[in-house]
N, C-alpha and C. Protein backbone atom coordinates (compact mmCIF):
# COMPACT_ATOMS: atom_id res chain seq x y z
N MET A 1 -60.35 5.36 9.54
CA MET A 1 -61.10 3.85 9.68
C MET A 1 -60.77 3.55 8.14
N GLN A 2 -60.43 2.40 8.02
CA GLN A 2 -60.20 1.51 6.64
C GLN A 2 -61.14 0.68 6.17
N PRO A 3 -62.38 1.03 5.20
CA PRO A 3 -63.09 -0.12 5.43
C PRO A 3 -62.85 -1.72 5.08
N ALA A 4 -63.63 -2.25 5.46
CA ALA A 4 -63.74 -3.59 5.24
C ALA A 4 -63.84 -4.37 4.17
N MET A 5 -62.75 -5.34 4.08
CA MET A 5 -62.83 -6.07 2.41
C MET A 5 -64.02 -6.01 1.55
N GLY A 6 -65.05 -6.41 1.95
CA GLY A 6 -66.37 -6.60 0.89
C GLY A 6 -67.30 -5.40 1.19
N ASP A 7 -66.25 -4.07 1.56
CA ASP A 7 -67.27 -2.66 1.46
C ASP A 7 -67.57 -2.32 0.44
N GLU A 8 -68.44 -1.97 -0.27
CA GLU A 8 -68.55 -1.15 -1.69
C GLU A 8 -67.89 0.45 -1.94
N ASN A 9 -67.63 0.53 -0.45
CA ASN A 9 -66.90 1.97 -0.71
C ASN A 9 -65.44 1.79 -0.45
N ALA A 10 -65.29 0.49 -0.24
CA ALA A 10 -63.41 0.18 -0.52
C ALA A 10 -62.76 0.41 -1.72
N LEU A 11 -61.61 0.75 -1.53
CA LEU A 11 -60.64 1.51 -2.33
C LEU A 11 -60.71 0.48 -3.79
N TYR A 12 -60.39 -0.86 -3.60
CA TYR A 12 -60.55 -2.02 -4.68
C TYR A 12 -61.75 -2.89 -4.11
N PRO A 13 -62.93 -2.73 -4.25
CA PRO A 13 -63.79 -3.67 -3.48
C PRO A 13 -63.88 -5.03 -4.55
N THR A 14 -64.24 -6.07 -3.70
CA THR A 14 -64.25 -7.93 -3.80
C THR A 14 -65.23 -8.20 -3.16
N LYS A 15 -65.94 -8.79 -3.68
CA LYS A 15 -67.11 -10.05 -3.17
C LYS A 15 -65.92 -11.31 -2.34
N ASN A 16 -64.75 -11.67 -3.20
CA ASN A 16 -64.69 -12.94 -3.14
C ASN A 16 -63.16 -12.48 -2.42
N LYS A 17 -62.98 -12.86 -1.26
CA LYS A 17 -61.68 -13.03 -0.89
C LYS A 17 -60.50 -14.14 -1.36
N THR A 18 -60.90 -14.73 -1.91
CA THR A 18 -60.30 -15.83 -2.07
C THR A 18 -59.86 -15.71 -3.72
N LEU A 19 -60.61 -14.98 -4.73
CA LEU A 19 -60.09 -14.41 -5.95
C LEU A 19 -58.61 -13.54 -5.38
N PHE A 20 -58.55 -12.99 -4.77
CA PHE A 20 -56.92 -12.01 -4.56
C PHE A 20 -56.26 -13.09 -4.64
N PHE A 21 -56.42 -14.24 -3.49
CA PHE A 21 -55.21 -14.97 -3.09
C PHE A 21 -55.20 -16.34 -4.43
N GLN A 22 -56.49 -16.04 -5.49
CA GLN A 22 -55.90 -17.64 -6.27
C GLN A 22 -54.82 -16.76 -7.13
N TYR A 23 -54.77 -15.48 -7.72
CA TYR A 23 -53.80 -15.02 -8.30
C TYR A 23 -52.54 -14.47 -7.81
N LEU A 24 -52.68 -14.45 -6.30
CA LEU A 24 -51.49 -13.94 -5.35
C LEU A 24 -50.76 -15.31 -5.55
N THR A 25 -51.17 -16.53 -4.73
CA THR A 25 -50.21 -17.75 -4.24
C THR A 25 -49.22 -18.02 -5.69
N PRO A 26 -50.06 -18.17 -6.92
CA PRO A 26 -49.14 -18.84 -8.38
C PRO A 26 -48.22 -17.82 -8.16
N PHE A 27 -48.19 -16.46 -8.24
CA PHE A 27 -47.28 -15.73 -8.68
C PHE A 27 -45.74 -15.59 -7.42
N LEU A 28 -46.31 -15.79 -6.37
CA LEU A 28 -45.30 -15.67 -4.96
C LEU A 28 -44.60 -16.97 -5.51
N ILE A 29 -45.49 -18.01 -5.54
CA ILE A 29 -44.27 -19.56 -6.11
C ILE A 29 -43.75 -19.40 -6.97
N ILE A 30 -43.96 -18.36 -8.23
CA ILE A 30 -43.27 -18.56 -9.75
C ILE A 30 -41.98 -17.80 -8.86
N LEU A 31 -42.42 -16.60 -7.87
CA LEU A 31 -41.31 -15.63 -7.83
C LEU A 31 -40.17 -16.90 -6.89
N GLY A 32 -40.58 -17.09 -5.74
CA GLY A 32 -39.89 -17.75 -5.11
C GLY A 32 -39.29 -19.09 -5.91
N VAL A 33 -39.68 -19.73 -6.96
CA VAL A 33 -38.94 -20.55 -7.35
C VAL A 33 -37.74 -19.60 -8.62
N VAL A 34 -37.98 -18.79 -9.05
CA VAL A 34 -37.03 -17.61 -9.78
C VAL A 34 -35.65 -17.45 -8.93
N ILE A 35 -36.17 -17.08 -7.80
CA ILE A 35 -35.24 -16.61 -6.99
C ILE A 35 -34.13 -17.47 -6.57
N ALA A 36 -34.88 -18.51 -6.35
CA ALA A 36 -33.99 -19.97 -5.68
C ALA A 36 -33.39 -20.42 -6.95
N PHE A 37 -34.00 -20.20 -8.31
CA PHE A 37 -32.98 -20.94 -9.34
C PHE A 37 -31.66 -19.54 -9.62
N ASN A 38 -31.93 -18.48 -9.28
CA ASN A 38 -30.94 -17.70 -9.36
C ASN A 38 -29.96 -17.60 -8.32
N LEU A 39 -30.46 -17.91 -7.40
CA LEU A 39 -29.33 -18.18 -6.39
C LEU A 39 -28.43 -19.28 -6.40
N LEU A 40 -29.32 -20.44 -6.82
CA LEU A 40 -28.41 -21.55 -7.06
C LEU A 40 -27.43 -21.61 -7.99
N SER A 41 -27.92 -20.66 -9.26
CA SER A 41 -26.97 -20.89 -10.37
C SER A 41 -25.60 -19.80 -10.20
N ALA A 42 -25.81 -18.59 -9.03
CA ALA A 42 -24.73 -17.78 -8.65
C ALA A 42 -24.10 -18.61 -7.48
N LEU A 43 -24.63 -20.02 -6.98
CA LEU A 43 -23.78 -20.92 -6.34
C LEU A 43 -22.86 -22.02 -6.85
N ILE A 44 -23.37 -22.43 -8.20
CA ILE A 44 -22.63 -23.34 -8.72
C ILE A 44 -21.49 -22.22 -9.64
N GLU A 45 -21.88 -20.94 -9.53
CA GLU A 45 -20.78 -20.68 -10.34
C GLU A 45 -19.84 -20.37 -9.61
N LEU A 46 -19.60 -19.91 -8.33
CA LEU A 46 -19.11 -19.74 -7.07
C LEU A 46 -18.17 -20.94 -7.00
N TYR A 47 -18.74 -22.26 -6.99
CA TYR A 47 -17.93 -23.70 -6.84
C TYR A 47 -17.41 -24.00 -7.93
N LYS A 48 -17.59 -23.41 -9.00
CA LYS A 48 -16.64 -23.56 -10.39
C LYS A 48 -15.27 -21.95 -10.30
N ASP A 49 -15.71 -21.35 -9.54
CA ASP A 49 -14.44 -20.42 -9.25
C ASP A 49 -13.89 -20.63 -7.88
N ASN A 50 -13.47 -21.62 -7.49
CA ASN A 50 -13.78 -22.28 -5.99
C ASN A 50 -12.44 -23.47 -6.71
N LYS A 51 -13.13 -23.99 -7.86
CA LYS A 51 -12.38 -25.21 -8.99
C LYS A 51 -10.89 -24.57 -9.17
N ARG A 52 -11.09 -23.25 -9.83
CA ARG A 52 -9.90 -22.90 -10.56
C ARG A 52 -8.88 -22.10 -9.92
N GLY A 53 -9.40 -21.74 -8.39
CA GLY A 53 -8.49 -20.97 -7.63
C GLY A 53 -8.17 -19.78 -7.63
N MET A 54 -9.46 -19.18 -7.99
CA MET A 54 -9.42 -17.36 -8.08
C MET A 54 -9.22 -17.01 -6.28
N SER A 55 -8.86 -15.74 -6.52
CA SER A 55 -8.39 -15.06 -5.03
C SER A 55 -9.86 -15.20 -5.03
N PRO A 56 -10.14 -15.38 -2.94
CA PRO A 56 -11.49 -14.30 -2.44
C PRO A 56 -12.04 -13.46 -2.57
N GLY A 57 -11.43 -12.27 -3.26
CA GLY A 57 -11.66 -11.04 -3.37
C GLY A 57 -12.74 -11.31 -5.07
N GLU A 58 -11.52 -11.93 -5.89
CA GLU A 58 -12.33 -12.30 -7.21
C GLU A 58 -13.44 -12.73 -7.25
N LYS A 59 -13.64 -13.88 -6.69
CA LYS A 59 -14.52 -15.00 -6.05
C LYS A 59 -16.09 -13.97 -5.59
N ARG A 60 -15.88 -13.43 -4.58
CA ARG A 60 -16.77 -12.69 -4.01
C ARG A 60 -16.96 -11.44 -5.32
N SER A 61 -16.40 -10.87 -6.06
CA SER A 61 -16.54 -10.09 -7.08
C SER A 61 -17.69 -10.69 -8.42
N ARG A 62 -17.34 -12.13 -8.62
CA ARG A 62 -18.20 -12.79 -9.43
C ARG A 62 -19.44 -13.14 -9.07
N PHE A 63 -19.32 -13.40 -7.60
CA PHE A 63 -20.31 -13.87 -7.32
C PHE A 63 -21.55 -12.76 -7.43
N SER A 64 -21.23 -11.57 -6.46
CA SER A 64 -21.92 -10.19 -6.79
C SER A 64 -22.42 -10.06 -8.10
N HIS A 65 -21.79 -10.20 -9.14
CA HIS A 65 -21.74 -9.77 -10.27
C HIS A 65 -22.85 -10.86 -11.18
N ASN A 66 -22.70 -12.27 -10.33
CA ASN A 66 -23.90 -12.91 -11.25
C ASN A 66 -24.97 -12.87 -10.54
N LEU A 67 -25.08 -12.24 -9.33
CA LEU A 67 -26.60 -11.89 -8.38
C LEU A 67 -27.10 -11.33 -8.92
N PHE A 68 -26.54 -9.65 -9.42
CA PHE A 68 -26.96 -8.72 -10.03
C PHE A 68 -27.45 -8.90 -11.40
N LEU A 69 -26.44 -9.45 -12.46
CA LEU A 69 -27.33 -10.18 -13.44
C LEU A 69 -28.54 -10.91 -13.55
N GLY A 70 -28.55 -11.78 -12.34
CA GLY A 70 -29.65 -12.62 -12.54
C GLY A 70 -30.89 -11.94 -11.95
N ILE A 71 -30.93 -10.66 -11.18
CA ILE A 71 -31.79 -9.40 -10.54
C ILE A 71 -32.30 -8.84 -11.85
N VAL A 72 -31.15 -8.33 -13.09
CA VAL A 72 -31.64 -7.91 -14.08
C VAL A 72 -32.36 -8.41 -15.25
N ASP A 73 -31.98 -9.89 -15.23
CA ASP A 73 -32.62 -10.69 -16.12
C ASP A 73 -34.06 -10.64 -15.53
N PHE A 74 -34.29 -11.25 -14.11
CA PHE A 74 -35.60 -11.15 -13.70
C PHE A 74 -36.46 -10.04 -14.09
N ILE A 75 -35.99 -9.00 -13.77
CA ILE A 75 -36.65 -7.60 -14.17
C ILE A 75 -36.70 -7.40 -15.53
N LEU A 76 -36.03 -7.41 -16.39
CA LEU A 76 -36.44 -7.73 -17.62
C LEU A 76 -37.57 -8.73 -18.16
N ASN A 77 -37.60 -9.61 -17.49
CA ASN A 77 -38.61 -10.78 -17.81
C ASN A 77 -39.95 -10.55 -17.89
N PHE A 78 -40.12 -10.38 -16.24
CA PHE A 78 -41.64 -10.48 -15.65
C PHE A 78 -41.90 -9.00 -15.63
N PHE A 79 -41.14 -7.97 -15.65
CA PHE A 79 -41.89 -6.45 -15.63
C PHE A 79 -41.31 -5.50 -16.85
N PRO A 80 -42.15 -5.77 -17.83
CA PRO A 80 -41.01 -5.57 -19.10
C PRO A 80 -41.43 -3.79 -19.18
């Protein structure tokens, strides 16, 4: 049986439950914005590749590459 949130014997005891959400909510909002920006950037590059007349395989490869670079950039910036 796991201890309740305000319990003194809990793994991470806290008397204020909102304190956890006070820091979690902004982090999740920033995370969502960064992920959305990464996806939007990859989609813009895909649109540019469509205008260049690339083959579907090449467009798919470049889209995956752009997403991968965005994920790596995110990891290097937020989790040093």
